[in-house]
């Protein structure tokens, strides 16, 4: 277990071609033009929620942390990670309004709920 955790915390290793997956997916969905940048954890060299990942995105976008907002669907990577570097974070509540089991209250974060179908 110690060996596994030590390797995990050293950085991210990926297969060749993985770096193109996110831009390719965005392109296939027809939304690539809506994004100024696509920064991934393996490009930053660390697994989420390591602060290096968010700092790389801030650098790429030339944005101050206080001006940034992150919307995600996991508490650890999409809330704890961004708030470590002072980015406001919003967690999408996929449980239709039920509290996220690991969500911690934070004045800099809010829960987003999907719209109710009429």
Protein backbone atom coordinates (compact mmCIF):
# COMPACT_ATOMS: atom_id res chain seq x y z
CA UNK A 1 0.00 0.00 0.00
CA UNK A 2 2.81 2.43 0.84
CA UNK A 3 4.48 1.72 -2.49
CA UNK A 4 1.22 2.26 -4.36
CA UNK A 5 0.54 5.56 -2.59
CA UNK A 6 4.11 6.74 -3.14
CA UNK A 7 3.84 6.06 -6.87
CA UNK A 8 0.38 7.63 -7.08
CA UNK A 9 1.63 10.81 -5.42
CA UNK A 10 4.70 11.11 -7.66
CA UNK A 11 2.64 12.18 -10.61
CA UNK A 12 0.41 10.90 -13.34
CA UNK A 13 1.49 8.46 -16.02
CA UNK A 14 -0.63 8.04 -19.10
CA UNK A 15 -0.75 6.12 -22.33
CA UNK A 16 0.28 7.84 -25.56
CA UNK A 17 -2.63 9.67 -27.16
CA UNK A 18 -4.60 10.19 -23.96
CA UNK A 19 -3.87 13.93 -24.11
CA UNK A 20 -5.99 14.29 -27.22
CA UNK A 21 -9.06 12.62 -25.71
CA UNK A 22 -10.56 15.68 -24.03
CA UNK A 23 -10.25 18.06 -26.99
CA UNK A 24 -11.46 15.28 -29.31
CA UNK A 25 -14.49 14.62 -27.08
CA UNK A 26 -15.35 18.32 -26.96
CA UNK A 27 -15.02 18.50 -30.74
CA UNK A 28 -17.22 15.42 -31.24
CA UNK A 29 -19.90 16.99 -29.01
CA UNK A 30 -19.74 20.18 -31.07
CA UNK A 31 -18.77 22.37 -28.12
CA UNK A 32 -14.99 22.78 -28.49
CA UNK A 33 -15.42 26.40 -29.62
CA UNK A 34 -17.04 27.22 -26.25
CA UNK A 35 -13.79 26.54 -24.36
CA UNK A 36 -10.76 28.81 -24.19
CA UNK A 37 -8.59 25.96 -22.89
CA UNK A 38 -8.71 22.29 -21.94
CA UNK A 39 -6.28 21.45 -19.14
CA UNK A 40 -6.03 17.89 -17.82
CA UNK A 41 -4.48 16.48 -14.67
CA UNK A 42 -2.02 14.31 -16.57
CA UNK A 43 -0.76 17.37 -18.47
CA UNK A 44 -0.20 19.05 -15.10
CA UNK A 45 1.56 15.90 -13.88
CA UNK A 46 -0.57 15.26 -10.79
CA UNK A 47 -3.85 13.59 -9.92
CA UNK A 48 -6.76 15.70 -8.77
CA UNK A 49 -7.31 17.30 -6.31
CA UNK A 50 -3.62 18.35 -6.23
CA UNK A 51 -3.40 22.17 -6.41
CA UNK A 52 -0.90 22.01 -9.29
CA UNK A 53 -3.74 20.93 -11.60
CA UNK A 54 -5.84 24.03 -10.91
CA UNK A 55 -2.81 26.34 -10.99
CA UNK A 56 -1.96 25.02 -14.46
CA UNK A 57 -5.48 25.88 -15.64
CA UNK A 58 -5.25 29.37 -14.12
CA UNK A 59 -1.93 29.94 -15.89
CA UNK A 60 -3.26 28.66 -19.20
CA UNK A 61 -6.27 30.97 -18.98
CA UNK A 62 -4.34 33.88 -17.43
CA UNK A 63 -6.97 34.20 -14.70
CA UNK A 64 -6.61 35.07 -11.01
CA UNK A 65 -8.04 32.45 -8.62
CA UNK A 66 -10.56 34.93 -7.20
CA UNK A 67 -12.01 35.48 -10.69
CA UNK A 68 -12.31 31.77 -11.50
CA UNK A 69 -15.28 29.46 -11.01
CA UNK A 70 -15.23 25.68 -11.33
CA UNK A 71 -18.34 23.56 -11.84
CA UNK A 72 -17.99 19.83 -11.31
CA UNK A 73 -19.71 16.74 -9.99
CA UNK A 74 -17.34 15.33 -7.39
CA UNK A 75 -16.71 16.72 -3.95
CA UNK A 76 -13.02 15.85 -3.67
CA UNK A 77 -11.72 16.78 -7.12
CA UNK A 78 -14.19 19.52 -8.04
CA UNK A 79 -14.70 21.19 -4.68
CA UNK A 80 -11.75 20.49 -2.39
CA UNK A 81 -9.17 20.83 -5.18
CA UNK A 82 -10.25 24.26 -6.45
CA UNK A 83 -10.88 25.75 -3.02
CA UNK A 84 -7.29 24.86 -2.04
CA UNK A 85 -6.18 27.56 -4.48
CA UNK A 86 -9.04 30.02 -3.74
CA UNK A 87 -11.21 29.14 -6.77
CA UNK A 88 -14.97 29.29 -6.17
CA UNK A 89 -16.42 25.83 -6.67
CA UNK A 90 -19.90 24.58 -7.49
CA UNK A 91 -20.79 20.89 -7.16
CA UNK A 92 -23.59 19.58 -9.35
CA UNK A 93 -25.95 17.58 -7.18
CA UNK A 94 -26.71 14.50 -9.26
CA UNK A 95 -28.98 13.10 -6.58
CA UNK A 96 -31.87 15.45 -7.50
CA UNK A 97 -31.64 17.66 -4.45
CA UNK A 98 -30.38 15.23 -1.81
CA UNK A 99 -27.31 16.41 0.11
CA UNK A 100 -23.99 15.25 -1.30
CA UNK A 101 -22.68 12.64 1.19
CA UNK A 102 -19.22 14.21 1.45
CA UNK A 103 -20.07 17.85 0.79
CA UNK A 104 -18.75 20.31 3.33
CA UNK A 105 -20.36 23.69 3.80
CA UNK A 106 -18.26 26.52 2.48
CA UNK A 107 -19.07 30.20 1.99
CA UNK A 108 -17.23 29.99 -1.36
CA UNK A 109 -19.18 27.05 -2.72
CA UNK A 110 -22.75 26.25 -3.64
CA UNK A 111 -24.67 23.21 -4.80
CA UNK A 112 -26.16 23.26 -8.27
CA UNK A 113 -29.18 21.10 -8.90
CA UNK A 114 -30.37 19.99 -12.31
CA UNK A 115 -33.57 21.68 -13.50
CA UNK A 116 -36.77 19.81 -12.83
CA UNK A 117 -38.47 18.63 -16.03
CA UNK A 118 -41.92 20.14 -16.50
